[in-house]
Amino acid sequence: FNALSDEDPYTHESLVADMQGRTADPAATATIMLDRQLLAATRAAGFRDTLPSAARTHTIPSHLPRPANQGARLRIDYVLVSDGIEAMNARVIQSDAADRASDHYPVVVDLRAG
């Protein structure tokens, strides 16, 4: 979704601090990013985040070489499931291979229909 979850503890102040020198207008960017209605609406429609709270970490940026203006360390990638799907062993893969492959770290989840 490239959106922040309302379940994650981001604040305007922390986002602005992380984005200093990385975006043209950190305060405006943080304000836009903190509109967390998309994930809340998705949950209200019956979907749930597969990543347990203890496993939640940033999914961007990885260490892939890129322009300097990449912004803050954020979790904006998700695997969501509905009833009848069990998520097991959900994790964010932060590795050298992931750093070389993408500017986002992958979210990997083992799923079982149940």
Protein backbone atom coordinates (compact mmCIF):
# COMPACT_ATOMS: atom_id res chain seq x y z
CA PHE A 1 0.00 0.00 0.00
CA ASN A 2 2.94 2.35 0.59
CA ALA A 3 0.99 3.60 3.60
CA LEU A 4 1.58 3.70 7.34
CA SER A 5 -0.48 1.52 9.63
CA ASP A 6 -2.40 3.15 12.45
CA GLU A 7 -1.12 0.24 14.57
CA ASP A 8 2.50 1.44 14.26
CA PRO A 9 3.87 4.08 16.65
CA TYR A 10 4.90 6.85 14.26
CA THR A 11 4.63 10.47 15.38
CA HIS A 12 4.84 13.65 13.37
CA GLU A 13 7.95 14.69 15.27
CA SER A 14 9.79 11.40 14.68
CA LEU A 15 8.96 11.36 10.97
CA VAL A 16 10.09 14.96 10.51
CA ALA A 17 13.36 14.20 12.32
CA ASP A 18 13.99 11.12 10.16
CA MET A 19 13.27 13.01 6.94
CA GLN A 20 15.44 16.07 7.63
CA GLY A 21 17.77 16.52 4.67
CA ARG A 22 16.03 13.72 2.76
CA THR A 23 12.87 15.44 1.51
CA ALA A 24 12.17 19.01 0.44
CA ASP A 25 9.46 19.58 3.07
CA PRO A 26 9.67 17.03 5.91
CA ALA A 27 6.76 18.51 7.89
CA ALA A 28 4.34 18.42 4.95
CA THR A 29 5.45 14.92 3.95
CA ALA A 30 4.99 13.66 7.53
CA THR A 31 1.49 15.17 7.70
CA ILE A 32 0.47 13.38 4.51
CA MET A 33 1.99 10.09 5.63
CA LEU A 34 0.20 10.20 8.98
CA ASP A 35 -3.18 10.00 7.27
CA ARG A 36 -3.52 6.33 8.20
CA GLN A 37 -7.06 5.69 7.01
CA LEU A 38 -6.16 3.10 4.35
CA LEU A 39 -4.94 0.36 6.69
CA ALA A 40 -7.65 1.11 9.26
CA ALA A 41 -10.31 0.76 6.54
CA THR A 42 -8.72 -2.46 5.31
CA ARG A 43 -8.87 -3.91 8.83
CA ALA A 44 -12.47 -2.74 9.19
CA ALA A 45 -13.24 -4.72 6.01
CA GLY A 46 -12.02 -7.89 7.72
CA PHE A 47 -8.35 -8.09 6.79
CA ARG A 48 -5.60 -8.42 9.36
CA ASP A 49 -1.89 -7.73 9.36
CA THR A 50 0.08 -10.98 9.47
CA LEU A 51 3.21 -9.50 11.04
CA PRO A 52 3.17 -9.80 14.85
CA SER A 53 3.94 -6.59 16.73
CA ALA A 54 7.30 -7.92 17.91
CA ALA A 55 8.40 -8.58 14.31
CA ARG A 56 7.42 -5.16 12.93
CA THR A 57 10.37 -3.23 11.60
CA HIS A 58 11.01 -0.92 8.68
CA THR A 59 10.56 -2.23 5.15
CA ILE A 60 12.09 0.85 3.51
CA PRO A 61 14.70 1.87 2.79
CA SER A 62 16.98 -1.10 2.30
CA HIS A 63 20.68 -0.49 1.67
CA LEU A 64 20.29 -0.65 -2.11
CA PRO A 65 22.28 2.24 -3.59
CA ARG A 66 19.87 5.03 -4.52
CA PRO A 67 19.53 8.81 -4.53
CA ALA A 68 20.10 10.46 -1.17
CA ASN A 69 16.49 11.64 -0.72
CA GLN A 70 14.95 8.35 0.34
CA GLY A 71 13.21 9.52 3.49
CA ALA A 72 12.62 7.86 6.82
CA ARG A 73 12.83 4.22 7.91
CA LEU A 74 9.21 3.10 7.60
CA ARG A 75 7.07 0.00 7.51
CA ILE A 76 4.91 0.42 4.40
CA ASP A 77 4.77 -3.15 3.10
CA TYR A 78 2.25 -5.70 4.39
CA VAL A 79 0.76 -9.11 3.88
CA LEU A 80 -2.91 -8.99 4.89
CA VAL A 81 -5.23 -11.96 5.25
CA SER A 82 -8.92 -12.51 5.88
CA ASP A 83 -10.77 -15.13 7.90
CA GLY A 84 -9.97 -18.66 6.85
CA ILE A 85 -6.29 -17.95 6.24
CA GLU A 86 -3.76 -18.66 8.98
CA ALA A 87 -0.47 -16.78 8.92
CA MET A 88 2.58 -18.48 10.34
CA ASN A 89 6.18 -17.36 10.65
CA ALA A 90 5.63 -13.82 9.29
CA ARG A 91 8.82 -11.81 9.04
CA VAL A 92 10.62 -8.95 7.30
CA ILE A 93 13.74 -10.20 5.53
CA GLN A 94 16.63 -7.79 6.06
CA SER A 95 19.70 -9.35 4.48
CA ASP A 96 22.53 -8.62 2.06
CA ALA A 97 20.55 -10.35 -0.70
CA ALA A 98 17.47 -8.22 0.05
CA ASP A 99 19.65 -5.09 0.05
CA ARG A 100 20.85 -5.94 -3.46
CA ALA A 101 17.41 -6.87 -4.78
CA SER A 102 15.17 -3.92 -3.91
CA ASP A 103 14.78 -0.64 -2.08
CA HIS A 104 12.06 -2.40 0.00
CA TYR A 105 12.67 -5.31 2.36
CA PRO A 106 10.29 -8.21 1.62
CA VAL A 107 7.59 -9.35 4.00
CA VAL A 108 7.44 -13.14 3.91
CA VAL A 109 4.63 -15.17 5.42
CA ASP A 110 3.81 -18.87 5.40
CA LEU A 111 0.04 -19.20 4.82
CA ARG A 112 -2.35 -22.04 5.45
CA ALA A 113 -5.99 -22.22 4.42
CA GLY A 114 -8.04 -23.27 7.36
